[in-house]
Amino acid sequence: MIVRYPNKILRTKLDEVSNFSSPELKSIIKQMTSDMIKYDGIGIAANQIGVNKKILVINTEEGPKEFINAKIVKKSLIKSKSDEGCLSFPGINGKAKRHKTITVEYDDFNGGKKQICVSGLYSFVFQHEIDHTNGVIFTDRLYKFTEGKKLFKELQKNAKPDEK
C-alpha cells in the first residue's frame, strides 16, 4: 500500500542500508516493485511504503531495478522542465525544473558501489526519488501546479501538526 501525503514519513530523511544480507531487504524491494507496478509508477522510494530505508526502485528500460543508498554526485548545469506527479499525491501534478543529466552513486543488492549517468526522463525520475529519501516532496520543486493545487492546499490545511 502506498503512503499518502501528509504522512510524516514522506518528510523524513531516510536511514542508509548497512545490512545487505538481511532477508528484510529483499522483501522490501519486492514490495516496492509490486506496488510501483500495481499503481503504474516509474519509480518509488521506500518511505512511500512506510519504510525508513534509503532504497529506490526504478522501472528502467530493462525492467525494475533497485538502487540502495543512492545519491547524486554530479549534475549538469543545464536544467529542463519536467512534468511530475507522485504515487503519494494522487490527483496532484505540476511542472518542475530538474537537472538534465546527473550521475548517481549507489549500492547494488550485494553492497557493491556502482555509478550510473542518466539524462532526460530517467534523470528526472532519479532526482524525484532521491528527493524522497531526503524528505523532500515533489511539490517543493514545482514552479506550477497543472492539476490538484486546491487539493494539495486542502491536504496541507488539514494535516496534523506533526505531519507538516
Protein backbone atom coordinates (compact mmCIF):
# COMPACT_ATOMS: atom_id res chain seq x y z
CA MET A 1 0.00 0.00 0.00
CA ILE A 2 1.27 3.46 -0.91
CA VAL A 3 1.72 6.01 1.88
CA ARG A 4 -0.16 9.21 1.06
CA TYR A 5 0.65 12.82 1.85
CA PRO A 6 0.61 14.26 4.53
CA ASN A 7 2.06 11.18 6.31
CA LYS A 8 5.17 12.43 8.13
CA ILE A 9 7.43 9.65 6.79
CA LEU A 10 7.35 11.46 3.44
CA ARG A 11 9.20 14.33 5.14
CA THR A 12 11.72 12.02 6.86
CA LYS A 13 15.37 11.78 5.82
CA LEU A 14 15.78 8.03 5.43
CA ASP A 15 18.41 5.83 7.06
CA GLU A 16 21.10 4.22 4.94
CA VAL A 17 21.05 0.48 4.41
CA SER A 18 24.03 -1.18 6.09
CA ASN A 19 22.96 -4.85 6.31
CA PHE A 20 22.87 -6.16 2.76
CA SER A 21 22.41 -9.78 3.86
CA SER A 22 19.14 -9.05 5.65
CA PRO A 23 16.20 -11.07 4.30
CA GLU A 24 14.10 -7.99 5.05
CA LEU A 25 15.93 -6.06 2.29
CA LYS A 26 14.75 -8.48 -0.40
CA SER A 27 11.20 -8.34 0.99
CA ILE A 28 11.15 -4.52 0.98
CA ILE A 29 12.39 -4.36 -2.63
CA LYS A 30 9.83 -6.97 -3.70
CA GLN A 31 7.01 -4.96 -2.07
CA MET A 32 8.22 -1.68 -3.58
CA THR A 33 8.43 -3.23 -7.04
CA SER A 34 4.98 -4.77 -6.73
CA ASP A 35 3.38 -1.50 -5.57
CA MET A 36 5.17 0.58 -8.21
CA ILE A 37 3.86 -1.70 -10.96
CA LYS A 38 0.38 -2.02 -9.42
CA TYR A 39 -0.05 1.77 -9.32
CA ASP A 40 1.60 2.33 -12.71
CA GLY A 41 4.60 4.23 -11.37
CA ILE A 42 8.02 4.67 -12.94
CA GLY A 43 9.80 4.94 -9.59
CA ILE A 44 9.24 4.52 -5.87
CA ALA A 45 11.16 5.23 -2.66
CA ALA A 46 10.95 3.07 0.48
CA ASN A 47 9.21 5.74 2.55
CA GLN A 48 6.32 5.55 0.08
CA ILE A 49 5.56 2.12 1.53
CA GLY A 50 6.29 3.27 5.09
CA VAL A 51 9.90 2.02 5.34
CA ASN A 52 12.68 4.24 6.72
CA LYS A 53 15.48 2.95 4.47
CA LYS A 54 17.31 4.64 1.61
CA ILE A 55 16.03 2.37 -1.17
CA LEU A 56 14.68 3.24 -4.62
CA VAL A 57 13.15 1.05 -7.28
CA ILE A 58 13.05 2.50 -10.77
CA ASN A 59 11.38 0.92 -13.77
CA THR A 60 14.30 1.17 -16.19
CA GLU A 61 14.28 0.17 -19.85
CA GLU A 62 15.49 -3.27 -18.70
CA GLY A 63 12.73 -3.53 -16.09
CA PRO A 64 12.53 -2.70 -12.37
CA LYS A 65 15.89 -2.24 -10.65
CA GLU A 66 16.83 -1.36 -7.07
CA PHE A 67 19.21 1.44 -6.12
CA ILE A 68 20.31 1.41 -2.49
CA ASN A 69 21.78 4.43 -0.66
CA ALA A 70 21.56 6.42 -3.90
CA LYS A 71 22.97 9.94 -4.02
CA ILE A 72 23.67 12.43 -6.77
CA VAL A 73 27.40 13.00 -7.16
CA LYS A 74 27.37 15.13 -10.30
CA LYS A 75 24.74 17.22 -12.06
CA SER A 76 24.62 19.24 -15.25
CA LEU A 77 24.27 22.99 -15.08
CA ILE A 78 21.55 22.75 -17.71
CA LYS A 79 18.05 22.17 -16.39
CA SER A 80 14.95 21.05 -18.24
CA LYS A 81 11.28 21.27 -17.46
CA SER A 82 9.63 18.09 -16.24
CA ASP A 83 6.00 17.14 -15.81
CA GLU A 84 5.70 15.43 -12.45
CA GLY A 85 3.25 13.51 -10.38
CA CYS A 86 3.75 11.16 -7.46
CA LEU A 87 2.18 7.93 -6.22
CA SER A 88 1.86 9.52 -2.76
CA PHE A 89 -0.04 12.52 -4.21
CA PRO A 90 -2.84 11.14 -6.38
CA GLY A 91 -4.59 13.82 -8.41
CA ILE A 92 -1.76 16.33 -7.97
CA ASN A 93 0.62 17.16 -10.82
CA GLY A 94 2.85 20.00 -11.86
CA LYS A 95 5.92 21.30 -13.60
CA ALA A 96 9.41 21.40 -12.13
CA LYS A 97 12.90 22.21 -13.37
CA ARG A 98 15.40 19.41 -12.89
CA HIS A 99 18.99 18.85 -13.93
CA LYS A 100 19.07 17.44 -17.47
CA THR A 101 21.86 14.96 -16.67
CA ILE A 102 23.03 13.52 -13.34
CA THR A 103 25.48 10.91 -12.09
CA VAL A 104 24.18 8.75 -9.27
CA GLU A 105 26.32 6.69 -6.92
CA TYR A 106 24.55 3.76 -5.26
CA ASP A 107 24.98 0.35 -3.70
CA ASP A 108 23.75 -2.72 -5.51
CA PHE A 109 21.87 -5.54 -3.78
CA ASN A 110 25.17 -7.04 -2.53
CA GLY A 111 26.54 -3.75 -1.20
CA GLY A 112 28.85 -3.13 -4.16
CA LYS A 113 29.42 0.51 -5.13
CA LYS A 114 28.12 1.50 -8.56
CA GLN A 115 27.58 4.63 -10.62
CA ILE A 116 25.13 5.44 -13.36
CA CYS A 117 24.81 8.52 -15.54
CA VAL A 118 21.27 9.32 -16.68
CA SER A 119 19.60 12.08 -18.64
CA GLY A 120 16.13 13.13 -19.71
CA LEU A 121 13.23 11.24 -18.15
CA TYR A 122 15.43 8.98 -16.01
CA SER A 123 17.33 11.99 -14.68
CA PHE A 124 14.02 13.47 -13.54
CA VAL A 125 12.87 10.17 -12.00
CA PHE A 126 16.12 9.67 -10.06
CA GLN A 127 16.02 13.25 -8.76
CA HIS A 128 12.40 12.86 -7.70
CA GLU A 129 13.05 9.55 -5.89
CA ILE A 130 16.33 10.68 -4.29
CA ASP A 131 14.44 13.73 -3.03
CA HIS A 132 12.04 11.30 -1.32
CA THR A 133 14.97 9.69 0.54
CA ASN A 134 15.95 13.14 1.82
CA GLY A 135 12.45 14.07 3.00
CA VAL A 136 11.81 16.42 0.07
CA ILE A 137 8.43 16.12 -1.64
CA PHE A 138 7.89 16.90 -5.31
CA THR A 139 5.60 19.84 -4.59
CA ASP A 140 8.63 21.57 -3.03
CA ARG A 141 10.17 21.60 -6.53
CA LEU A 142 7.14 22.72 -8.54
CA TYR A 143 7.03 26.10 -10.16
CA LYS A 144 3.48 25.45 -11.40
CA PHE A 145 0.66 23.11 -10.47
CA THR A 146 -1.13 21.65 -13.51
CA GLU A 147 -3.65 19.62 -11.52
CA GLY A 148 -4.72 19.43 -7.89
CA LYS A 149 -3.41 22.69 -6.41
CA LYS A 150 -6.62 23.14 -4.44
CA LEU A 151 -6.47 19.51 -3.24
CA PHE A 152 -2.85 19.96 -2.11
CA LYS A 153 -3.70 23.14 -0.19
CA GLU A 154 -6.60 21.31 1.47
CA LEU A 155 -4.33 18.39 2.47
CA GLN A 156 -1.81 20.85 3.93
CA LYS A 157 -4.51 22.70 5.83
CA ASN A 158 -5.94 19.52 7.33
CA ALA A 159 -2.57 17.92 8.18
CA LYS A 160 -1.83 17.31 11.85
CA PRO A 161 0.99 19.47 13.23
CA ASP A 162 3.44 16.53 13.28
CA GLU A 163 2.69 15.81 9.59
CA LYS A 164 3.58 19.28 8.29
